[in-house]
Amino acid sequence: MPDYCFYTQGKQTVALARLSVNRAADLLAQGYKKEVEEVHAADEKQAIARFADIRKDNAIDRHNFLAGAGTMPWIGVLTALAAFLFWRKK
């Protein structure tokens, strides 16, 4: 099973075997951008499916991180407010 590299232009993605140097040069000349992800797959169809899974997982991770990063300060503020009110009553 060969390793595949990915090239994107807009929403179009092309998977190439890593050894396809001439085709890669042609895609770069056409304005495609080489992506950093590389996968080991049986064929191009499976490689593109795996690439889509990787991108989907990255988007989910980014969303989850930002959701946690936005909520944690509010938890800290509410905890400080509750502590202030608790100590003020005594």
PDB file of N, CA and C in Angstrom:
ATOM      1  N   MET A   1       0.850  -1.176   0.000  1.00  0.00           N
ATOM      2  CA  MET A   1       0.000   0.000   0.000  1.00  0.00           C
ATOM      3  C   MET A   1       0.893   1.236   0.000  1.00  0.00           C
ATOM      4  N   PRO A   2       0.664   2.127  -0.952  1.00  0.00           N
ATOM      5  CA  PRO A   2       1.506   3.324  -1.040  1.00  0.00           C
ATOM      6  C   PRO A   2       1.057   4.430  -0.086  1.00  0.00           C
ATOM      7  N   ASP A   3       1.941   5.383   0.122  1.00  0.00           N
ATOM      8  CA  ASP A   3       1.614   6.588   0.875  1.00  0.00           C
ATOM      9  C   ASP A   3       1.048   7.614  -0.097  1.00  0.00           C
ATOM     10  N   TYR A   4       0.062   8.360   0.360  1.00  0.00           N
ATOM     11  CA  TYR A   4      -0.576   9.364  -0.490  1.00  0.00           C
ATOM     12  C   TYR A   4      -0.391  10.747   0.108  1.00  0.00           C
ATOM     13  N   CYS A   5      -0.145  11.723  -0.758  1.00  0.00           N
ATOM     14  CA  CYS A   5      -0.088  13.132  -0.412  1.00  0.00           C
ATOM     15  C   CYS A   5      -1.348  13.788  -0.976  1.00  0.00           C
ATOM     16  N   PHE A   6      -1.710  14.931  -0.416  1.00  0.00           N
ATOM     17  CA  PHE A   6      -2.935  15.597  -0.848  1.00  0.00           C
ATOM     18  C   PHE A   6      -2.639  17.003  -1.339  1.00  0.00           C
ATOM     19  N   TYR A   7      -3.368  17.372  -2.370  1.00  0.00           N
ATOM     20  CA  TYR A   7      -3.268  18.700  -2.959  1.00  0.00           C
ATOM     21  C   TYR A   7      -4.682  19.261  -3.062  1.00  0.00           C
ATOM     22  N   THR A   8      -4.867  20.502  -2.614  1.00  0.00           N
ATOM     23  CA  THR A   8      -6.196  21.098  -2.648  1.00  0.00           C
ATOM     24  C   THR A   8      -6.172  22.421  -3.402  1.00  0.00           C
ATOM     25  N   GLN A   9      -7.294  22.701  -4.026  1.00  0.00           N
ATOM     26  CA  GLN A   9      -7.526  23.987  -4.664  1.00  0.00           C
ATOM     27  C   GLN A   9      -9.002  24.280  -4.451  1.00  0.00           C
ATOM     28  N   GLY A  10      -9.287  25.244  -3.596  1.00  0.00           N
ATOM     29  CA  GLY A  10     -10.679  25.504  -3.232  1.00  0.00           C
ATOM     30  C   GLY A  10     -11.225  24.312  -2.462  1.00  0.00           C
ATOM     31  N   LYS A  11     -12.309  23.738  -2.948  1.00  0.00           N
ATOM     32  CA  LYS A  11     -12.886  22.564  -2.291  1.00  0.00           C
ATOM     33  C   LYS A  11     -12.506  21.262  -2.989  1.00  0.00           C
ATOM     34  N   GLN A  12     -11.683  21.351  -4.010  1.00  0.00           N
ATOM     35  CA  GLN A  12     -11.272  20.159  -4.749  1.00  0.00           C
ATOM     36  C   GLN A  12      -9.994  19.589  -4.133  1.00  0.00           C
ATOM     37  N   THR A  13     -10.004  18.285  -3.872  1.00  0.00           N
ATOM     38  CA  THR A  13      -8.854  17.604  -3.286  1.00  0.00           C
ATOM     39  C   THR A  13      -8.421  16.472  -4.206  1.00  0.00           C
ATOM     40  N   VAL A  14      -7.108  16.380  -4.408  1.00  0.00           N
ATOM     41  CA  VAL A  14      -6.540  15.331  -5.242  1.00  0.00           C
ATOM     42  C   VAL A  14      -5.545  14.554  -4.387  1.00  0.00           C
ATOM     43  N   ALA A  15      -5.628  13.225  -4.444  1.00  0.00           N
ATOM     44  CA  ALA A  15      -4.680  12.359  -3.743  1.00  0.00           C
ATOM     45  C   ALA A  15      -3.704  11.792  -4.758  1.00  0.00           C
ATOM     46  N   LEU A  16      -2.423  11.891  -4.441  1.00  0.00           N
ATOM     47  CA  LEU A  16      -1.387  11.345  -5.321  1.00  0.00           C
ATOM     48  C   LEU A  16      -0.461  10.454  -4.518  1.00  0.00           C
ATOM     49  N   ALA A  17      -0.015   9.379  -5.156  1.00  0.00           N
ATOM     50  CA  ALA A  17       1.025   8.564  -4.526  1.00  0.00           C
ATOM     51  C   ALA A  17       2.253   9.452  -4.352  1.00  0.00           C
ATOM     52  N   ARG A  18       2.941   9.274  -3.256  1.00  0.00           N
ATOM     53  CA  ARG A  18       4.066  10.146  -2.944  1.00  0.00           C
ATOM     54  C   ARG A  18       5.148  10.094  -4.015  1.00  0.00           C
ATOM     55  N   LEU A  19       5.223   9.016  -4.759  1.00  0.00           N
ATOM     56  CA  LEU A  19       6.255   8.875  -5.777  1.00  0.00           C
ATOM     57  C   LEU A  19       5.881   9.546  -7.107  1.00  0.00           C
ATOM     58  N   SER A  20       4.689  10.108  -7.230  1.00  0.00           N
ATOM     59  CA  SER A  20       4.248  10.770  -8.465  1.00  0.00           C
ATOM     60  C   SER A  20       4.765  12.207  -8.493  1.00  0.00           C
ATOM     61  N   VAL A  21       6.053  12.366  -8.689  1.00  0.00           N
ATOM     62  CA  VAL A  21       6.692  13.679  -8.618  1.00  0.00           C
ATOM     63  C   VAL A  21       6.261  14.567  -9.784  1.00  0.00           C
ATOM     64  N   ASN A  22       6.193  14.013 -10.993  1.00  0.00           N
ATOM     65  CA  ASN A  22       5.822  14.813 -12.162  1.00  0.00           C
ATOM     66  C   ASN A  22       4.393  15.341 -12.053  1.00  0.00           C
ATOM     67  N   ARG A  23       3.473  14.483 -11.650  1.00  0.00           N
ATOM     68  CA  ARG A  23       2.071  14.898 -11.492  1.00  0.00           C
ATOM     69  C   ARG A  23       1.944  15.941 -10.381  1.00  0.00           C
ATOM     70  N   ALA A  24       2.723  15.791  -9.303  1.00  0.00           N
ATOM     71  CA  ALA A  24       2.697  16.761  -8.207  1.00  0.00           C
ATOM     72  C   ALA A  24       3.172  18.125  -8.694  1.00  0.00           C
ATOM     73  N   ALA A  25       4.217  18.141  -9.505  1.00  0.00           N
ATOM     74  CA  ALA A  25       4.715  19.413 -10.056  1.00  0.00           C
ATOM     75  C   ALA A  25       3.660  20.056 -10.949  1.00  0.00           C
ATOM     76  N   ASP A  26       2.936  19.256 -11.711  1.00  0.00           N
ATOM     77  CA  ASP A  26       1.868  19.782 -12.563  1.00  0.00           C
ATOM     78  C   ASP A  26       0.753  20.420 -11.724  1.00  0.00           C
ATOM     79  N   LEU A  27       0.373  19.747 -10.646  1.00  0.00           N
ATOM     80  CA  LEU A  27      -0.688  20.289  -9.788  1.00  0.00           C
ATOM     81  C   LEU A  27      -0.253  21.592  -9.134  1.00  0.00           C
ATOM     82  N   LEU A  28       0.984  21.648  -8.660  1.00  0.00           N
ATOM     83  CA  LEU A  28       1.483  22.883  -8.061  1.00  0.00           C
ATOM     84  C   LEU A  28       1.504  24.023  -9.080  1.00  0.00           C
ATOM     85  N   ALA A  29       1.841  23.706 -10.320  1.00  0.00           N
ATOM     86  CA  ALA A  29       1.847  24.715 -11.374  1.00  0.00           C
ATOM     87  C   ALA A  29       0.434  25.208 -11.685  1.00  0.00           C
ATOM     88  N   GLN A  30      -0.558  24.360 -11.471  1.00  0.00           N
ATOM     89  CA  GLN A  30      -1.950  24.731 -11.711  1.00  0.00           C
ATOM     90  C   GLN A  30      -2.556  25.514 -10.550  1.00  0.00           C
ATOM     91  N   GLY A  31      -1.801  25.693  -9.469  1.00  0.00           N
ATOM     92  CA  GLY A  31      -2.301  26.475  -8.340  1.00  0.00           C
ATOM     93  C   GLY A  31      -2.780  25.660  -7.158  1.00  0.00           C
ATOM     94  N   TYR A  32      -2.567  24.372  -7.182  1.00  0.00           N
ATOM     95  CA  TYR A  32      -2.944  23.535  -6.042  1.00  0.00           C
ATOM     96  C   TYR A  32      -1.965  23.766  -4.895  1.00  0.00           C
ATOM     97  N   LYS A  33      -2.449  23.548  -3.684  1.00  0.00           N
ATOM     98  CA  LYS A  33      -1.614  23.706  -2.495  1.00  0.00           C
ATOM     99  C   LYS A  33      -1.383  22.326  -1.884  1.00  0.00           C
ATOM    100  N   LYS A  34      -0.142  22.009  -1.547  1.00  0.00           N
ATOM    101  CA  LYS A  34       0.163  20.717  -0.933  1.00  0.00           C
ATOM    102  C   LYS A  34      -0.205  20.768   0.542  1.00  0.00           C
ATOM    103  N   GLU A  35      -0.947  19.784   0.979  1.00  0.00           N
ATOM    104  CA  GLU A  35      -1.336  19.679   2.382  1.00  0.00           C
ATOM    105  C   GLU A  35      -0.282  18.904   3.162  1.00  0.00           C
ATOM    106  N   VAL A  36      -0.225  19.097   4.477  1.00  0.00           N
ATOM    107  CA  VAL A  36       0.788  18.431   5.290  1.00  0.00           C
ATOM    108  C   VAL A  36       0.439  16.982   5.604  1.00  0.00           C
ATOM    109  N   GLU A  37      -0.841  16.628   5.519  1.00  0.00           N
ATOM    110  CA  GLU A  37      -1.255  15.271   5.847  1.00  0.00           C
ATOM    111  C   GLU A  37      -0.821  14.283   4.772  1.00  0.00           C
ATOM    112  N   GLU A  38      -0.380  13.136   5.223  1.00  0.00           N
ATOM    113  CA  GLU A  38      -0.067  12.010   4.341  1.00  0.00           C
ATOM    114  C   GLU A  38      -0.660  10.764   4.980  1.00  0.00           C
ATOM    115  N   VAL A  39      -1.225   9.885   4.162  1.00  0.00           N
ATOM    116  CA  VAL A  39      -1.825   8.658   4.691  1.00  0.00           C
ATOM    117  C   VAL A  39      -1.334   7.453   3.907  1.00  0.00           C
ATOM    118  N   HIS A  40      -1.465   6.315   4.530  1.00  0.00           N
ATOM    119  CA  HIS A  40      -1.112   5.027   3.948  1.00  0.00           C
ATOM    120  C   HIS A  40      -2.431   4.336   3.619  1.00  0.00           C
ATOM    121  N   ALA A  41      -2.726   4.121   2.332  1.00  0.00           N
ATOM    122  CA  ALA A  41      -4.022   3.563   1.933  1.00  0.00           C
ATOM    123  C   ALA A  41      -3.863   2.652   0.718  1.00  0.00           C
ATOM    124  N   ALA A  42      -4.890   1.854   0.473  1.00  0.00           N
ATOM    125  CA  ALA A  42      -4.861   0.912  -0.648  1.00  0.00           C
ATOM    126  C   ALA A  42      -5.022   1.613  -1.993  1.00  0.00           C
ATOM    127  N   ASP A  43      -5.886   2.625  -2.042  1.00  0.00           N
ATOM    128  CA  ASP A  43      -6.091   3.348  -3.298  1.00  0.00           C
ATOM    129  C   ASP A  43      -6.448   4.802  -3.011  1.00  0.00           C
ATOM    130  N   GLU A  44      -6.618   5.581  -4.080  1.00  0.00           N
ATOM    131  CA  GLU A  44      -6.886   7.012  -3.938  1.00  0.00           C
ATOM    132  C   GLU A  44      -8.216   7.281  -3.239  1.00  0.00           C
ATOM    133  N   LYS A  45      -9.220   6.473  -3.527  1.00  0.00           N
ATOM    134  CA  LYS A  45     -10.540   6.672  -2.931  1.00  0.00           C
ATOM    135  C   LYS A  45     -10.483   6.533  -1.408  1.00  0.00           C
ATOM    136  N   GLN A  46      -9.794   5.502  -0.925  1.00  0.00           N
ATOM    137  CA  GLN A  46      -9.648   5.324   0.519  1.00  0.00           C
ATOM    138  C   GLN A  46      -8.786   6.414   1.131  1.00  0.00           C
ATOM    139  N   ALA A  47      -7.785   6.873   0.391  1.00  0.00           N
ATOM    140  CA  ALA A  47      -6.916   7.945   0.887  1.00  0.00           C
ATOM    141  C   ALA A  47      -7.704   9.232   1.070  1.00  0.00           C
ATOM    142  N   ILE A  48      -8.560   9.562   0.099  1.00  0.00           N
ATOM    143  CA  ILE A  48      -9.364  10.780   0.208  1.00  0.00           C
ATOM    144  C   ILE A  48     -10.379  10.663   1.335  1.00  0.00           C
ATOM    145  N   ALA A  49     -10.951   9.473   1.532  1.00  0.00           N
ATOM    146  CA  ALA A  49     -11.887   9.263   2.640  1.00  0.00           C
ATOM    147  C   ALA A  49     -11.175   9.456   3.975  1.00  0.00           C
ATOM    148  N   ARG A  50      -9.955   8.943   4.092  1.00  0.00           N
ATOM    149  CA  ARG A  50      -9.188   9.110   5.332  1.00  0.00           C
ATOM    150  C   ARG A  50      -8.823  10.580   5.550  1.00  0.00           C
ATOM    151  N   PHE A  51      -8.477  11.291   4.480  1.00  0.00           N
ATOM    152  CA  PHE A  51      -8.167  12.712   4.561  1.00  0.00           C
ATOM    153  C   PHE A  51      -9.381  13.493   5.069  1.00  0.00           C
ATOM    154  N   ALA A  52     -10.566  13.158   4.567  1.00  0.00           N
ATOM    155  CA  ALA A  52     -11.799  13.816   5.024  1.00  0.00           C
ATOM    156  C   ALA A  52     -12.034  13.539   6.509  1.00  0.00           C
ATOM    157  N   ASP A  53     -11.768  12.306   6.954  1.00  0.00           N
ATOM    158  CA  ASP A  53     -11.909  11.969   8.373  1.00  0.00           C
ATOM    159  C   ASP A  53     -10.935  12.780   9.230  1.00  0.00           C
ATOM    160  N   ILE A  54      -9.706  12.927   8.760  1.00  0.00           N
ATOM    161  CA  ILE A  54      -8.709  13.695   9.503  1.00  0.00           C
ATOM    162  C   ILE A  54      -9.152  15.148   9.628  1.00  0.00           C
ATOM    163  N   ARG A  55      -9.612  15.730   8.542  1.00  0.00           N
ATOM    164  CA  ARG A  55     -10.073  17.124   8.568  1.00  0.00           C
ATOM    165  C   ARG A  55     -11.283  17.291   9.477  1.00  0.00           C
ATOM    166  N   LYS A  56     -12.209  16.317   9.444  1.00  0.00           N
ATOM    167  CA  LYS A  56     -13.401  16.379  10.298  1.00  0.00           C
ATOM    168  C   LYS A  56     -12.999  16.309  11.769  1.00  0.00           C
ATOM    169  N   ASP A  57     -12.077  15.401  12.107  1.00  0.00           N
ATOM    170  CA  ASP A  57     -11.605  15.291  13.487  1.00  0.00           C
ATOM    171  C   ASP A  57     -10.919  16.575  13.944  1.00  0.00           C
ATOM    172  N   ASN A  58     -10.140  17.197  13.067  1.00  0.00           N
ATOM    173  CA  ASN A  58      -9.482  18.462  13.413  1.00  0.00           C
ATOM    174  C   ASN A  58     -10.501  19.560  13.686  1.00  0.00           C
ATOM    175  N   ALA A  59     -11.557  19.618  12.879  1.00  0.00           N
ATOM    176  CA  ALA A  59     -12.599  20.628  13.080  1.00  0.00           C
ATOM    177  C   ALA A  59     -13.328  20.402  14.397  1.00  0.00           C
ATOM    178  N   ILE A  60     -13.613  19.150  14.726  1.00  0.00           N
ATOM    179  CA  ILE A  60     -14.282  18.830  15.996  1.00  0.00           C
ATOM    180  C   ILE A  60     -13.389  19.196  17.172  1.00  0.00           C
ATOM    181  N   ASP A  61     -12.096  18.861  17.093  1.00  0.00           N
ATOM    182  CA  ASP A  61     -11.161  19.199  18.162  1.00  0.00           C
ATOM    183  C   ASP A  61     -11.066  20.714  18.361  1.00  0.00           C
ATOM    184  N   ARG A  62     -10.998  21.462  17.256  1.00  0.00           N
ATOM    185  CA  ARG A  62     -10.921  22.922  17.339  1.00  0.00           C
ATOM    186  C   ARG A  62     -12.178  23.486  18.004  1.00  0.00           C
ATOM    187  N   HIS A  63     -13.341  22.980  17.599  1.00  0.00           N
ATOM    188  CA  HIS A  63     -14.597  23.447  18.186  1.00  0.00           C
ATOM    189  C   HIS A  63     -14.655  23.134  19.679  1.00  0.00           C
ATOM    190  N   ASN A  64     -14.284  21.919  20.063  1.00  0.00           N
ATOM    191  CA  ASN A  64     -14.320  21.536  21.469  1.00  0.00           C
ATOM    192  C   ASN A  64     -13.351  22.369  22.302  1.00  0.00           C
ATOM    193  N   PHE A  65     -12.175  22.654  21.761  1.00  0.00           N
ATOM    194  CA  PHE A  65     -11.207  23.471  22.480  1.00  0.00           C
ATOM    195  C   PHE A  65     -11.751  24.882  22.696  1.00  0.00           C
ATOM    196  N   LEU A  66     -12.304  25.469  21.640  1.00  0.00           N
ATOM    197  CA  LEU A  66     -12.826  26.829  21.765  1.00  0.00           C
ATOM    198  C   LEU A  66     -14.031  26.883  22.695  1.00  0.00           C
ATOM    199  N   ALA A  67     -14.854  25.848  22.704  1.00  0.00           N
ATOM    200  CA  ALA A  67     -15.998  25.817  23.611  1.00  0.00           C
ATOM    201  C   ALA A  67     -15.520  25.768  25.058  1.00  0.00           C
ATOM    202  N   GLY A  68     -14.498  24.974  25.328  1.00  0.00           N
ATOM    203  CA  GLY A  68     -13.949  24.903  26.686  1.00  0.00           C
ATOM    204  C   GLY A  68     -13.230  26.176  27.069  1.00  0.00           C
ATOM    205  N   ALA A  69     -12.511  26.779  26.126  1.00  0.00           N
ATOM    206  CA  ALA A  69     -11.777  28.002  26.406  1.00  0.00           C
ATOM    207  C   ALA A  69     -12.720  29.160  26.686  1.00  0.00           C
ATOM    208  N   GLY A  70     -13.898  29.130  26.109  1.00  0.00           N
ATOM    209  CA  GLY A  70     -14.876  30.188  26.363  1.00  0.00           C
ATOM    210  C   GLY A  70     -15.620  30.009  27.665  1.00  0.00           C
ATOM    211  N   THR A  71     -15.790  28.781  28.109  1.00  0.00           N
ATOM    212  CA  THR A  71     -16.572  28.516  29.316  1.00  0.00           C
ATOM    213  C   THR A  71     -15.746  28.601  30.594  1.00  0.00           C
ATOM    214  N   MET A  72     -14.509  28.235  30.530  1.00  0.00           N
ATOM    215  CA  MET A  72     -13.691  28.191  31.744  1.00  0.00           C
ATOM    216  C   MET A  72     -13.566  29.551  32.433  1.00  0.00           C
ATOM    217  N   PRO A  73     -13.373  30.658  31.741  1.00  0.00           N
ATOM    218  CA  PRO A  73     -13.328  31.945  32.450  1.00  0.00           C
ATOM    219  C   PRO A  73     -14.636  32.263  33.163  1.00  0.00           C
ATOM    220  N   TRP A  74     -15.763  31.913  32.543  1.00  0.00           N
ATOM    221  CA  TRP A  74     -17.043  32.168  33.213  1.00  0.00           C
ATOM    222  C   TRP A  74     -17.175  31.345  34.490  1.00  0.00           C
ATOM    223  N   ILE A  75     -16.707  30.128  34.473  1.00  0.00           N
ATOM    224  CA  ILE A  75     -16.742  29.297  35.686  1.00  0.00           C
ATOM    225  C   ILE A  75     -15.883  29.927  36.766  1.00  0.00           C
ATOM    226  N   GLY A  76     -14.721  30.439  36.390  1.00  0.00           N
ATOM    227  CA  GLY A  76     -13.851  31.109  37.360  1.00  0.00           C
ATOM    228  C   GLY A  76     -14.484  32.358  37.934  1.00  0.00           C
ATOM    229  N   VAL A  77     -15.132  33.155  37.096  1.00  0.00           N
ATOM    230  CA  VAL A  77     -15.790  34.378  37.565  1.00  0.00           C
ATOM    231  C   VAL A  77     -16.934  34.035  38.505  1.00  0.00           C
ATOM    232  N   LEU A  78     -17.746  33.060  38.140  1.00  0.00           N
ATOM    233  CA  LEU A  78     -18.866  32.668  39.003  1.00  0.00           C
ATOM    234  C   LEU A  78     -18.387  32.085  40.325  1.00  0.00           C
ATOM    235  N   THR A  79     -17.312  31.336  40.305  1.00  0.00           N
ATOM    236  CA  THR A  79     -16.747  30.782  41.536  1.00  0.00           C
ATOM    237  C   THR A  79     -16.238  31.910  42.437  1.00  0.00           C
ATOM    238  N   ALA A  80     -15.554  32.874  41.856  1.00  0.00           N
ATOM    239  CA  ALA A  80     -15.050  34.014  42.642  1.00  0.00           C
ATOM    240  C   ALA A  80     -16.211  34.815  43.222  1.00  0.00           C
ATOM    241  N   LEU A  81     -17.273  35.022  42.450  1.00  0.00           N
ATOM    242  CA  LEU A  81     -18.436  35.744  42.940  1.00  0.00           C
ATOM    243  C   LEU A  81     -19.113  34.988  44.079  1.00  0.00           C
ATOM    244  N   ALA A  82     -19.259  33.681  43.924  1.00  0.00           N
ATOM    245  CA  ALA A  82     -19.869  32.874  44.988  1.00  0.00           C
ATOM    246  C   ALA A  82     -19.009  32.914  46.246  1.00  0.00           C
ATOM    247  N   ALA A  83     -17.704  32.837  46.109  1.00  0.00           N
ATOM    248  CA  ALA A  83     -16.811  32.901  47.270  1.00  0.00           C
ATOM    249  C   ALA A  83     -16.908  34.264  47.940  1.00  0.00           C
ATOM    250  N   PHE A  84     -16.967  35.335  47.153  1.00  0.00           N
ATOM    251  CA  PHE A  84     -17.087  36.681  47.712  1.00  0.00           C
ATOM    252  C   PHE A  84     -18.377  36.814  48.513  1.00  0.00           C
ATOM    253  N   LEU A  85     -19.499  36.363  47.945  1.00  0.00           N
ATOM    254  CA  LEU A  85     -20.793  36.435  48.641  1.00  0.00           C
ATOM    255  C   LEU A  85     -20.810  35.564  49.887  1.00  0.00           C
ATOM    256  N   PHE A  86     -20.180  34.414  49.823  1.00  0.00           N
ATOM    257  CA  PHE A  86     -20.141  33.505  50.972  1.00  0.00           C
ATOM    258  C   PHE A  86     -19.352  34.128  52.114  1.00  0.00           C
ATOM    259  N   TRP A  87     -18.196  34.698  51.825  1.00  0.00           N
ATOM    260  CA  TRP A  87     -17.356  35.294  52.868  1.00  0.00           C
ATOM    261  C   TRP A  87     -17.950  36.589  53.377  1.00  0.00           C
ATOM    262  N   ARG A  88     -18.714  37.282  52.564  1.00  0.00           N
ATOM    263  CA  ARG A  88     -19.316  38.545  52.973  1.00  0.00           C
ATOM    264  C   ARG A  88     -20.427  38.318  54.005  1.00  0.00           C
ATOM    265  N   LYS A  89     -21.152  37.207  53.914  1.00  0.00           N
ATOM    266  CA  LYS A  89     -22.250  36.906  54.843  1.00  0.00           C
ATOM    267  C   LYS A  89     -21.750  36.629  56.255  1.00  0.00           C
ATOM    268  N   LYS A  90     -20.555  36.109  56.402  1.00  0.00           N
ATOM    269  CA  LYS A  90     -20.047  35.762  57.744  1.00  0.00           C
ATOM    270  C   LYS A  90     -19.618  36.935  58.494  1.00  0.00           C
TER     271      LYS A  90
END
